Amino acid sequence: MVDIAAKRAEGKGKGYEKWATLHNLKQMAATMSIYEESGFSSPEELEAALAAASAGLHEVTGKLKTVESTLQEKKDLQKQLLAYIKTKPARDGLRAQKTEKARRAYREQHESEFIISESAARYFKAQGIQKLPATQALQAEIEQITREKKASVRELQTVKGNLDKILRREPERGKGRENER
């Protein structure tokens, strides 16, 4: 819709005013046509449909955020677990040392592995993890959460698409793929 009064104040002439009036009438007619085609018989029905679609959008967005948070936690755990597993030979080598002097020398020689191991142990303790999960089970859990995330993204795209159809907006092309990454 064109604001004819504002355009008149900008100095537009009678020809523009006639065009804008015709343009606005066409826009109103198209809006009413879409309104009727969509099956809405009152503004209240349109508002109810918009509210329902908006609520669905918020619900799915909240669900997606929860899934993403859980996925990130599992990936952090996996990263720490793999780092801890890689330091096992160094920890075993330290236990194999017979004297205190040999242990100190061995620990100095493998200092980086012990820093990584201790960091992972602090992470496990902070998370309240008493027993380390099996790597395959953790990987399977991450894959399951990733599938849930993809399903939530698809549901979010569907709800957004429905909302766009109600409002008769053009869908934003290419945006859905960015959200999955």
N, C-alpha and C. Protein backbone atom coordinates (compact mmCIF):
# COMPACT_ATOMS: atom_id res chain seq x y z
N MET A 1 0.84 -1.17 0.00
CA MET A 1 0.00 0.00 0.00
C MET A 1 0.89 1.24 0.00
N VAL A 2 0.48 2.21 -0.75
CA VAL A 2 1.23 3.45 -0.88
C VAL A 2 0.54 4.51 -0.02
N ASP A 3 1.29 5.24 0.77
CA ASP A 3 0.77 6.34 1.57
C ASP A 3 0.68 7.57 0.66
N ILE A 4 -0.52 7.80 0.14
CA ILE A 4 -0.72 8.86 -0.85
C ILE A 4 -0.45 10.23 -0.24
N ALA A 5 -0.90 10.44 0.98
CA ALA A 5 -0.71 11.75 1.62
C ALA A 5 0.78 12.06 1.78
N ALA A 6 1.57 11.06 2.16
CA ALA A 6 3.00 11.27 2.33
C ALA A 6 3.66 11.57 0.99
N LYS A 7 3.23 10.87 -0.05
CA LYS A 7 3.80 11.09 -1.38
C LYS A 7 3.41 12.47 -1.92
N ARG A 8 2.17 12.90 -1.61
CA ARG A 8 1.72 14.23 -2.02
C ARG A 8 2.60 15.29 -1.33
N ALA A 9 2.93 15.04 -0.04
CA ALA A 9 3.78 15.97 0.70
C ALA A 9 5.20 16.01 0.12
N GLU A 10 5.62 14.91 -0.50
CA GLU A 10 6.95 14.86 -1.13
C GLU A 10 6.96 15.61 -2.46
N GLY A 11 5.78 16.00 -2.92
CA GLY A 11 5.73 16.75 -4.16
C GLY A 11 5.27 15.95 -5.36
N LYS A 12 4.75 14.77 -5.17
CA LYS A 12 4.25 13.96 -6.29
C LYS A 12 2.98 14.61 -6.84
N GLY A 13 2.75 14.44 -8.12
CA GLY A 13 1.65 15.10 -8.80
C GLY A 13 0.39 14.26 -8.87
N LYS A 14 -0.58 14.80 -9.65
CA LYS A 14 -1.88 14.16 -9.81
C LYS A 14 -1.77 12.79 -10.48
N GLY A 15 -0.88 12.68 -11.44
CA GLY A 15 -0.70 11.40 -12.13
C GLY A 15 -0.26 10.31 -11.16
N TYR A 16 0.67 10.62 -10.29
CA TYR A 16 1.13 9.65 -9.30
C TYR A 16 0.00 9.31 -8.34
N GLU A 17 -0.78 10.32 -7.96
CA GLU A 17 -1.89 10.10 -7.03
C GLU A 17 -2.91 9.13 -7.64
N LYS A 18 -3.21 9.29 -8.95
CA LYS A 18 -4.14 8.38 -9.62
C LYS A 18 -3.56 6.96 -9.66
N TRP A 19 -2.26 6.86 -9.99
CA TRP A 19 -1.63 5.54 -10.05
C TRP A 19 -1.66 4.90 -8.66
N ALA A 20 -1.31 5.67 -7.61
CA ALA A 20 -1.27 5.13 -6.25
C ALA A 20 -2.65 4.68 -5.78
N THR A 21 -3.67 5.44 -6.14
CA THR A 21 -5.04 5.07 -5.77
C THR A 21 -5.41 3.74 -6.41
N LEU A 22 -5.12 3.60 -7.70
CA LEU A 22 -5.40 2.35 -8.41
C LEU A 22 -4.58 1.20 -7.82
N HIS A 23 -3.30 1.46 -7.55
CA HIS A 23 -2.42 0.44 -6.96
C HIS A 23 -2.96 -0.03 -5.60
N ASN A 24 -3.37 0.90 -4.77
CA ASN A 24 -3.91 0.55 -3.45
C ASN A 24 -5.19 -0.26 -3.58
N LEU A 25 -6.05 0.08 -4.53
CA LEU A 25 -7.28 -0.69 -4.74
C LEU A 25 -6.94 -2.12 -5.17
N LYS A 26 -5.97 -2.26 -6.07
CA LYS A 26 -5.56 -3.60 -6.50
C LYS A 26 -5.01 -4.41 -5.33
N GLN A 27 -4.22 -3.78 -4.48
CA GLN A 27 -3.64 -4.45 -3.32
C GLN A 27 -4.74 -4.91 -2.36
N MET A 28 -5.72 -4.04 -2.11
CA MET A 28 -6.83 -4.40 -1.22
C MET A 28 -7.64 -5.56 -1.81
N ALA A 29 -7.88 -5.52 -3.12
CA ALA A 29 -8.64 -6.59 -3.77
C ALA A 29 -7.88 -7.92 -3.68
N ALA A 30 -6.57 -7.88 -3.91
CA ALA A 30 -5.75 -9.10 -3.82
C ALA A 30 -5.76 -9.63 -2.39
N THR A 31 -5.69 -8.74 -1.43
CA THR A 31 -5.71 -9.15 -0.02
C THR A 31 -7.03 -9.81 0.32
N MET A 32 -8.13 -9.22 -0.10
CA MET A 32 -9.45 -9.80 0.18
C MET A 32 -9.61 -11.15 -0.53
N SER A 33 -9.09 -11.25 -1.73
CA SER A 33 -9.16 -12.51 -2.48
C SER A 33 -8.42 -13.62 -1.73
N ILE A 34 -7.22 -13.33 -1.29
CA ILE A 34 -6.43 -14.31 -0.54
C ILE A 34 -7.12 -14.66 0.78
N TYR A 35 -7.67 -13.66 1.42
CA TYR A 35 -8.37 -13.83 2.69
C TYR A 35 -9.52 -14.82 2.51
N GLU A 36 -10.30 -14.63 1.45
CA GLU A 36 -11.44 -15.51 1.19
C GLU A 36 -10.99 -16.89 0.72
N GLU A 37 -9.96 -16.96 -0.13
CA GLU A 37 -9.44 -18.24 -0.61
C GLU A 37 -8.92 -19.10 0.53
N SER A 38 -8.35 -18.46 1.52
CA SER A 38 -7.78 -19.18 2.66
C SER A 38 -8.85 -19.71 3.59
N GLY A 39 -10.09 -19.33 3.36
CA GLY A 39 -11.19 -19.88 4.15
C GLY A 39 -11.50 -19.09 5.41
N PHE A 40 -10.98 -17.92 5.53
CA PHE A 40 -11.26 -17.11 6.71
C PHE A 40 -12.54 -16.32 6.46
N SER A 41 -13.44 -16.39 7.43
CA SER A 41 -14.70 -15.66 7.26
C SER A 41 -14.75 -14.41 8.15
N SER A 42 -13.76 -14.29 9.02
CA SER A 42 -13.73 -13.10 9.88
C SER A 42 -12.29 -12.79 10.28
N PRO A 43 -12.02 -11.56 10.65
CA PRO A 43 -10.67 -11.21 11.12
C PRO A 43 -10.27 -12.00 12.36
N GLU A 44 -11.26 -12.38 13.16
CA GLU A 44 -10.97 -13.16 14.37
C GLU A 44 -10.39 -14.54 14.00
N GLU A 45 -10.94 -15.16 12.95
CA GLU A 45 -10.41 -16.45 12.50
C GLU A 45 -8.97 -16.32 12.04
N LEU A 46 -8.69 -15.27 11.30
CA LEU A 46 -7.32 -15.01 10.85
C LEU A 46 -6.39 -14.83 12.05
N GLU A 47 -6.82 -14.04 13.02
CA GLU A 47 -6.02 -13.81 14.22
C GLU A 47 -5.79 -15.11 14.99
N ALA A 48 -6.82 -15.95 15.07
CA ALA A 48 -6.69 -17.23 15.77
C ALA A 48 -5.69 -18.14 15.05
N ALA A 49 -5.77 -18.17 13.72
CA ALA A 49 -4.83 -18.99 12.94
C ALA A 49 -3.40 -18.48 13.11
N LEU A 50 -3.23 -17.16 13.09
CA LEU A 50 -1.90 -16.58 13.31
C LEU A 50 -1.38 -16.89 14.70
N ALA A 51 -2.24 -16.78 15.69
CA ALA A 51 -1.81 -17.07 17.07
C ALA A 51 -1.41 -18.53 17.23
N ALA A 52 -2.18 -19.44 16.63
CA ALA A 52 -1.86 -20.87 16.72
C ALA A 52 -0.53 -21.16 16.02
N ALA A 53 -0.33 -20.59 14.85
CA ALA A 53 0.91 -20.82 14.12
C ALA A 53 2.09 -20.22 14.88
N SER A 54 1.89 -19.06 15.45
CA SER A 54 2.96 -18.41 16.22
C SER A 54 3.30 -19.23 17.46
N ALA A 55 2.28 -19.75 18.14
CA ALA A 55 2.53 -20.58 19.33
C ALA A 55 3.28 -21.85 18.94
N GLY A 56 2.89 -22.44 17.83
CA GLY A 56 3.60 -23.63 17.34
C GLY A 56 5.05 -23.33 17.03
N LEU A 57 5.28 -22.16 16.44
CA LEU A 57 6.63 -21.74 16.12
C LEU A 57 7.47 -21.60 17.39
N HIS A 58 6.91 -20.97 18.40
CA HIS A 58 7.64 -20.80 19.67
C HIS A 58 7.89 -22.14 20.36
N GLU A 59 6.92 -23.03 20.31
CA GLU A 59 7.07 -24.35 20.93
C GLU A 59 8.20 -25.14 20.28
N VAL A 60 8.19 -25.17 18.96
CA VAL A 60 9.21 -25.92 18.23
C VAL A 60 10.59 -25.28 18.42
N THR A 61 10.64 -23.95 18.45
CA THR A 61 11.91 -23.26 18.69
C THR A 61 12.48 -23.62 20.06
N GLY A 62 11.62 -23.64 21.07
CA GLY A 62 12.06 -24.03 22.41
C GLY A 62 12.57 -25.45 22.46
N LYS A 63 11.86 -26.35 21.77
CA LYS A 63 12.27 -27.75 21.72
C LYS A 63 13.63 -27.88 21.03
N LEU A 64 13.81 -27.12 19.96
CA LEU A 64 15.07 -27.16 19.21
C LEU A 64 16.22 -26.68 20.08
N LYS A 65 16.01 -25.63 20.83
CA LYS A 65 17.06 -25.10 21.71
C LYS A 65 17.45 -26.13 22.76
N THR A 66 16.48 -26.84 23.31
CA THR A 66 16.76 -27.88 24.30
C THR A 66 17.58 -29.00 23.68
N VAL A 67 17.19 -29.43 22.49
CA VAL A 67 17.91 -30.51 21.81
C VAL A 67 19.34 -30.07 21.48
N GLU A 68 19.50 -28.83 21.01
CA GLU A 68 20.84 -28.33 20.69
C GLU A 68 21.72 -28.27 21.94
N SER A 69 21.14 -27.87 23.05
CA SER A 69 21.89 -27.79 24.30
C SER A 69 22.35 -29.19 24.74
N THR A 70 21.44 -30.15 24.67
CA THR A 70 21.78 -31.54 25.04
C THR A 70 22.85 -32.09 24.10
N LEU A 71 22.72 -31.80 22.82
CA LEU A 71 23.70 -32.27 21.84
C LEU A 71 25.08 -31.70 22.14
N GLN A 72 25.14 -30.42 22.47
CA GLN A 72 26.43 -29.78 22.79
C GLN A 72 27.04 -30.40 24.03
N GLU A 73 26.22 -30.68 25.04
CA GLU A 73 26.73 -31.32 26.26
C GLU A 73 27.33 -32.70 25.94
N LYS A 74 26.63 -33.47 25.12
CA LYS A 74 27.12 -34.81 24.76
C LYS A 74 28.40 -34.73 23.94
N LYS A 75 28.49 -33.75 23.06
CA LYS A 75 29.71 -33.60 22.27
C LYS A 75 30.88 -33.17 23.14
N ASP A 76 30.63 -32.31 24.13
CA ASP A 76 31.69 -31.93 25.06
C ASP A 76 32.16 -33.14 25.86
N LEU A 77 31.21 -33.96 26.31
CA LEU A 77 31.55 -35.18 27.04
C LEU A 77 32.38 -36.10 26.16
N GLN A 78 31.97 -36.26 24.91
CA GLN A 78 32.70 -37.13 23.99
C GLN A 78 34.13 -36.63 23.79
N LYS A 79 34.28 -35.34 23.63
CA LYS A 79 35.61 -34.75 23.43
C LYS A 79 36.51 -35.04 24.65
N GLN A 80 35.97 -34.82 25.83
CA GLN A 80 36.75 -35.07 27.05
C GLN A 80 37.05 -36.56 27.22
N LEU A 81 36.09 -37.39 26.91
CA LEU A 81 36.28 -38.84 27.03
C LEU A 81 37.38 -39.33 26.09
N LEU A 82 37.35 -38.86 24.85
CA LEU A 82 38.38 -39.28 23.89
C LEU A 82 39.76 -38.79 24.30
N ALA A 83 39.83 -37.56 24.82
CA ALA A 83 41.11 -37.03 25.29
C ALA A 83 41.63 -37.88 26.45
N TYR A 84 40.74 -38.25 27.35
CA TYR A 84 41.13 -39.06 28.52
C TYR A 84 41.61 -40.44 28.08
N ILE A 85 40.91 -41.04 27.13
CA ILE A 85 41.29 -42.37 26.64
C ILE A 85 42.67 -42.32 25.98
N LYS A 86 42.95 -41.26 25.24
CA LYS A 86 44.25 -41.15 24.56
C LYS A 86 45.41 -41.03 25.53
N THR A 87 45.14 -40.57 26.75
CA THR A 87 46.22 -40.42 27.74
C THR A 87 46.42 -41.68 28.58
N LYS A 88 45.67 -42.73 28.34
CA LYS A 88 45.78 -43.96 29.14
C LYS A 88 47.20 -44.55 29.11
N PRO A 89 47.86 -44.62 27.95
CA PRO A 89 49.22 -45.18 27.96
C PRO A 89 50.17 -44.40 28.88
N ALA A 90 50.04 -43.09 28.91
CA ALA A 90 50.91 -42.28 29.78
C ALA A 90 50.59 -42.56 31.24
N ARG A 91 49.31 -42.66 31.58
CA ARG A 91 48.93 -42.94 32.97
C ARG A 91 49.40 -44.33 33.39
N ASP A 92 49.26 -45.30 32.48
CA ASP A 92 49.73 -46.66 32.78
C ASP A 92 51.26 -46.68 32.94
N GLY A 93 51.95 -45.91 32.10
CA GLY A 93 53.41 -45.84 32.19
C GLY A 93 53.87 -45.27 33.52
N LEU A 94 53.14 -44.31 34.05
CA LEU A 94 53.48 -43.73 35.34
C LEU A 94 53.34 -44.77 36.45
N ARG A 95 52.28 -45.56 36.39
CA ARG A 95 52.07 -46.60 37.41
C ARG A 95 53.17 -47.67 37.36
N ALA A 96 53.73 -47.86 36.18
CA ALA A 96 54.76 -48.88 36.01
C ALA A 96 56.12 -48.46 36.59
N GLN A 97 56.29 -47.17 36.84
CA GLN A 97 57.57 -46.68 37.37
C GLN A 97 57.73 -47.15 38.82
N LYS A 98 58.93 -47.66 39.15
CA LYS A 98 59.16 -48.28 40.47
C LYS A 98 59.50 -47.25 41.55
N THR A 99 60.30 -46.25 41.22
CA THR A 99 60.75 -45.31 42.25
C THR A 99 60.10 -43.95 42.07
N GLU A 100 60.14 -43.17 43.14
CA GLU A 100 59.59 -41.81 43.10
C GLU A 100 60.35 -40.95 42.10
N LYS A 101 61.66 -41.11 42.05
CA LYS A 101 62.48 -40.35 41.12
C LYS A 101 62.10 -40.69 39.67
N ALA A 102 61.89 -41.96 39.38
CA ALA A 102 61.50 -42.40 38.04
C ALA A 102 60.11 -41.86 37.69
N ARG A 103 59.20 -41.82 38.68
CA ARG A 103 57.85 -41.29 38.45
C ARG A 103 57.91 -39.80 38.10
N ARG A 104 58.74 -39.04 38.86
CA ARG A 104 58.86 -37.60 38.59
C ARG A 104 59.42 -37.38 37.18
N ALA A 105 60.46 -38.12 36.83
CA ALA A 105 61.07 -37.96 35.51
C ALA A 105 60.06 -38.34 34.41
N TYR A 106 59.33 -39.42 34.63
CA TYR A 106 58.34 -39.87 33.64
C TYR A 106 57.23 -38.83 33.50
N ARG A 107 56.79 -38.30 34.62
CA ARG A 107 55.71 -37.29 34.62
C ARG A 107 56.17 -36.03 33.88
N GLU A 108 57.39 -35.61 34.09
CA GLU A 108 57.93 -34.44 33.38
C GLU A 108 58.00 -34.71 31.88
N GLN A 109 58.41 -35.91 31.55
CA GLN A 109 58.56 -36.28 30.15
C GLN A 109 57.21 -36.29 29.42
N HIS A 110 56.15 -36.66 30.13
CA HIS A 110 54.81 -36.77 29.54
C HIS A 110 53.84 -35.74 30.14
N GLU A 111 54.37 -34.56 30.42
CA GLU A 111 53.59 -33.53 31.11
C GLU A 111 52.31 -33.15 30.35
N SER A 112 52.39 -33.00 29.04
CA SER A 112 51.20 -32.57 28.27
C SER A 112 50.07 -33.59 28.38
N GLU A 113 50.41 -34.88 28.35
CA GLU A 113 49.37 -35.91 28.47
C GLU A 113 48.71 -35.86 29.86
N PHE A 114 49.51 -35.60 30.89
CA PHE A 114 48.95 -35.53 32.23
C PHE A 114 48.09 -34.29 32.43
N ILE A 115 48.44 -33.21 31.78
CA ILE A 115 47.60 -31.99 31.85
C ILE A 115 46.24 -32.28 31.21
N ILE A 116 46.26 -32.93 30.06
CA ILE A 116 45.02 -33.28 29.36
C ILE A 116 44.19 -34.24 30.21
N SER A 117 44.84 -35.24 30.77
CA SER A 117 44.15 -36.24 31.58
C SER A 117 43.51 -35.60 32.82
N GLU A 118 44.24 -34.73 33.48
CA GLU A 118 43.72 -34.08 34.68
C GLU A 118 42.59 -33.12 34.35
N SER A 119 42.69 -32.46 33.21
CA SER A 119 41.62 -31.56 32.78
C SER A 119 40.34 -32.36 32.52
N ALA A 120 40.46 -33.48 31.85
CA ALA A 120 39.30 -34.33 31.58
C ALA A 120 38.72 -34.87 32.89
N ALA A 121 39.58 -35.26 33.82
CA ALA A 121 39.11 -35.77 35.11
C ALA A 121 38.34 -34.68 35.87
N ARG A 122 38.81 -33.44 35.81
CA ARG A 122 38.09 -32.32 36.46
C ARG A 122 36.73 -32.12 35.81
N TYR A 123 36.69 -32.24 34.49
CA TYR A 123 35.42 -32.11 33.76
C TYR A 123 34.43 -33.19 34.23
N PHE A 124 34.89 -34.42 34.29
CA PHE A 124 34.02 -35.53 34.73
C PHE A 124 33.51 -35.28 36.14
N LYS A 125 34.38 -34.83 37.00
CA LYS A 125 34.00 -34.58 38.39
C LYS A 125 32.98 -33.44 38.46
N ALA A 126 33.22 -32.37 37.70
CA ALA A 126 32.30 -31.23 37.69
C ALA A 126 30.92 -31.62 37.16
N GLN A 127 30.88 -32.57 36.25
CA GLN A 127 29.61 -33.03 35.67
C GLN A 127 28.97 -34.12 36.52
N GLY A 128 29.65 -34.56 37.57
CA GLY A 128 29.11 -35.60 38.44
C GLY A 128 29.16 -36.98 37.82
N ILE A 129 30.11 -37.20 36.91
CA ILE A 129 30.22 -38.48 36.22
C ILE A 129 31.13 -39.39 37.02
N GLN A 130 30.55 -40.45 37.55
CA GLN A 130 31.30 -41.42 38.34
C GLN A 130 31.92 -42.50 37.44
N LYS A 131 31.11 -43.00 36.52
CA LYS A 131 31.55 -44.06 35.62
C LYS A 131 31.53 -43.51 34.20
N LEU A 132 32.62 -43.67 33.48
CA LEU A 132 32.71 -43.15 32.12
C LEU A 132 31.85 -43.99 31.18
N PRO A 133 31.12 -43.31 30.29
CA PRO A 133 30.28 -44.05 29.33
C PRO A 133 31.13 -44.71 28.26
N ALA A 134 30.59 -45.75 27.67
CA ALA A 134 31.27 -46.40 26.55
C ALA A 134 31.23 -45.46 25.35
N THR A 135 32.33 -45.40 24.62
CA THR A 135 32.40 -44.46 23.49
C THR A 135 31.36 -44.78 22.42
N GLN A 136 31.11 -46.06 22.15
CA GLN A 136 30.12 -46.42 21.13
C GLN A 136 28.71 -46.03 21.57
N ALA A 137 28.41 -46.23 22.84
CA ALA A 137 27.09 -45.85 23.35
C ALA A 137 26.91 -44.34 23.29
N LEU A 138 27.95 -43.60 23.64
CA LEU A 138 27.89 -42.14 23.58
C LEU A 138 27.72 -41.67 22.14
N GLN A 139 28.45 -42.28 21.21
CA GLN A 139 28.32 -41.92 19.80
C GLN A 139 26.91 -42.20 19.30
N ALA A 140 26.34 -43.33 19.69
CA ALA A 140 24.97 -43.66 19.29
C ALA A 140 23.98 -42.64 19.85
N GLU A 141 24.21 -42.21 21.08
CA GLU A 141 23.34 -41.21 21.70
C GLU A 141 23.44 -39.87 20.96
N ILE A 142 24.65 -39.49 20.59
CA ILE A 142 24.85 -38.24 19.83
C ILE A 142 24.15 -38.32 18.48
N GLU A 143 24.25 -39.46 17.82
CA GLU A 143 23.58 -39.63 16.53
C GLU A 143 22.07 -39.54 16.68
N GLN A 144 21.52 -40.12 17.76
CA GLN A 144 20.08 -40.05 18.01
C GLN A 144 19.64 -38.61 18.26
N ILE A 145 20.41 -37.87 19.04
CA ILE A 145 20.07 -36.47 19.32
C ILE A 145 20.18 -35.63 18.05
N THR A 146 21.15 -35.95 17.20
CA THR A 146 21.30 -35.24 15.93
C THR A 146 20.08 -35.48 15.05
N ARG A 147 19.56 -36.72 15.04
CA ARG A 147 18.35 -37.02 14.27
C ARG A 147 17.16 -36.23 14.83
N GLU A 148 17.07 -36.14 16.17
CA GLU A 148 16.00 -35.36 16.79
C GLU A 148 16.11 -33.89 16.39
N LYS A 149 17.34 -33.39 16.36
CA LYS A 149 17.55 -31.99 15.98
C LYS A 149 17.08 -31.75 14.55
N LYS A 150 17.45 -32.66 13.65
CA LYS A 150 17.03 -32.51 12.25
C LYS A 150 15.51 -32.55 12.13
N ALA A 151 14.87 -33.44 12.91
CA ALA A 151 13.40 -33.52 12.89
C ALA A 151 12.80 -32.22 13.42
N SER A 152 13.39 -31.66 14.47
CA SER A 152 12.89 -30.40 15.02
C SER A 152 13.07 -29.26 14.02
N VAL A 153 14.18 -29.26 13.31
CA VAL A 153 14.41 -28.22 12.30
C VAL A 153 13.37 -28.35 11.19
N ARG A 154 13.10 -29.59 10.76
CA ARG A 154 12.08 -29.79 9.71
C ARG A 154 10.71 -29.32 10.21
N GLU A 155 10.39 -29.63 11.46
CA GLU A 155 9.11 -29.21 12.03
C GLU A 155 9.04 -27.69 12.11
N LEU A 156 10.14 -27.08 12.51
CA LEU A 156 10.21 -25.62 12.58
C LEU A 156 10.01 -25.00 11.20
N GLN A 157 10.64 -25.58 10.19
CA GLN A 157 10.48 -25.08 8.83
C GLN A 157 9.03 -25.24 8.36
N THR A 158 8.39 -26.34 8.73
CA THR A 158 6.99 -26.57 8.35
C THR A 158 6.09 -25.53 9.00
N VAL A 159 6.28 -25.30 10.30
CA VAL A 159 5.45 -24.32 11.00
C VAL A 159 5.67 -22.93 10.41
N LYS A 160 6.93 -22.60 10.15
CA LYS A 160 7.24 -21.28 9.58
C LYS A 160 6.61 -21.17 8.19
N GLY A 161 6.69 -22.23 7.41
CA GLY A 161 6.07 -22.22 6.09
C GLY A 161 4.56 -22.02 6.17
N ASN A 162 3.92 -22.68 7.14
CA ASN A 162 2.49 -22.52 7.32
C ASN A 162 2.15 -21.09 7.72
N LEU A 163 2.96 -20.53 8.60
CA LEU A 163 2.74 -19.15 9.01
C LEU A 163 2.91 -18.20 7.82
N ASP A 164 3.92 -18.47 7.01
CA ASP A 164 4.13 -17.65 5.81
C ASP A 164 2.95 -17.77 4.84
N LYS A 165 2.39 -18.99 4.72
CA LYS A 165 1.23 -19.17 3.83
C LYS A 165 0.03 -18.40 4.34
N ILE A 166 -0.17 -18.42 5.65
CA ILE A 166 -1.29 -17.67 6.22
C ILE A 166 -1.12 -16.18 5.92
N LEU A 167 0.11 -15.72 6.07
CA LEU A 167 0.38 -14.30 5.84
C LEU A 167 0.64 -14.01 4.38
N ARG A 168 0.73 -15.07 3.55
CA ARG A 168 1.02 -14.98 2.12
C ARG A 168 2.33 -14.26 1.85
N ARG A 169 3.34 -14.62 2.64
CA ARG A 169 4.68 -14.07 2.42
C ARG A 169 5.45 -15.05 1.56
N GLU A 170 6.43 -14.53 0.84
CA GLU A 170 7.33 -15.38 0.08
C GLU A 170 8.27 -16.07 1.06
N PRO A 171 8.48 -17.38 0.96
CA PRO A 171 9.42 -18.06 1.86
C PRO A 171 10.84 -17.57 1.61
N GLU A 172 11.61 -17.51 2.71
CA GLU A 172 13.01 -17.07 2.60
C GLU A 172 13.83 -18.23 2.06
N ARG A 173 14.34 -18.07 0.89
CA ARG A 173 15.08 -19.15 0.23
C ARG A 173 16.48 -19.26 0.80
N GLY A 174 16.90 -20.53 1.05
CA GLY A 174 18.27 -20.78 1.49
C GLY A 174 18.49 -20.67 2.98
N LYS A 175 17.53 -20.12 3.71
CA LYS A 175 17.75 -19.93 5.15
C LYS A 175 17.66 -21.23 5.92
N GLY A 176 16.81 -22.15 5.50
CA GLY A 176 16.63 -23.39 6.24
C GLY A 176 17.90 -24.21 6.34
N ARG A 177 18.70 -24.20 5.31
CA ARG A 177 19.94 -24.97 5.29
C ARG A 177 20.96 -24.40 6.26
N GLU A 178 20.98 -23.08 6.41
CA GLU A 178 21.96 -22.47 7.32
C GLU A 178 21.68 -22.87 8.76
N ASN A 179 20.39 -23.04 9.12
CA ASN A 179 20.05 -23.35 10.49
C ASN A 179 20.44 -24.77 10.88
N GLU A 180 20.59 -25.65 9.90
CA GLU A 180 20.93 -27.04 10.20
C GLU A 180 22.41 -27.20 10.53
N ARG A 181 23.20 -26.25 10.14
CA ARG A 181 24.65 -26.40 10.34
C ARG A 181 25.06 -26.06 11.73
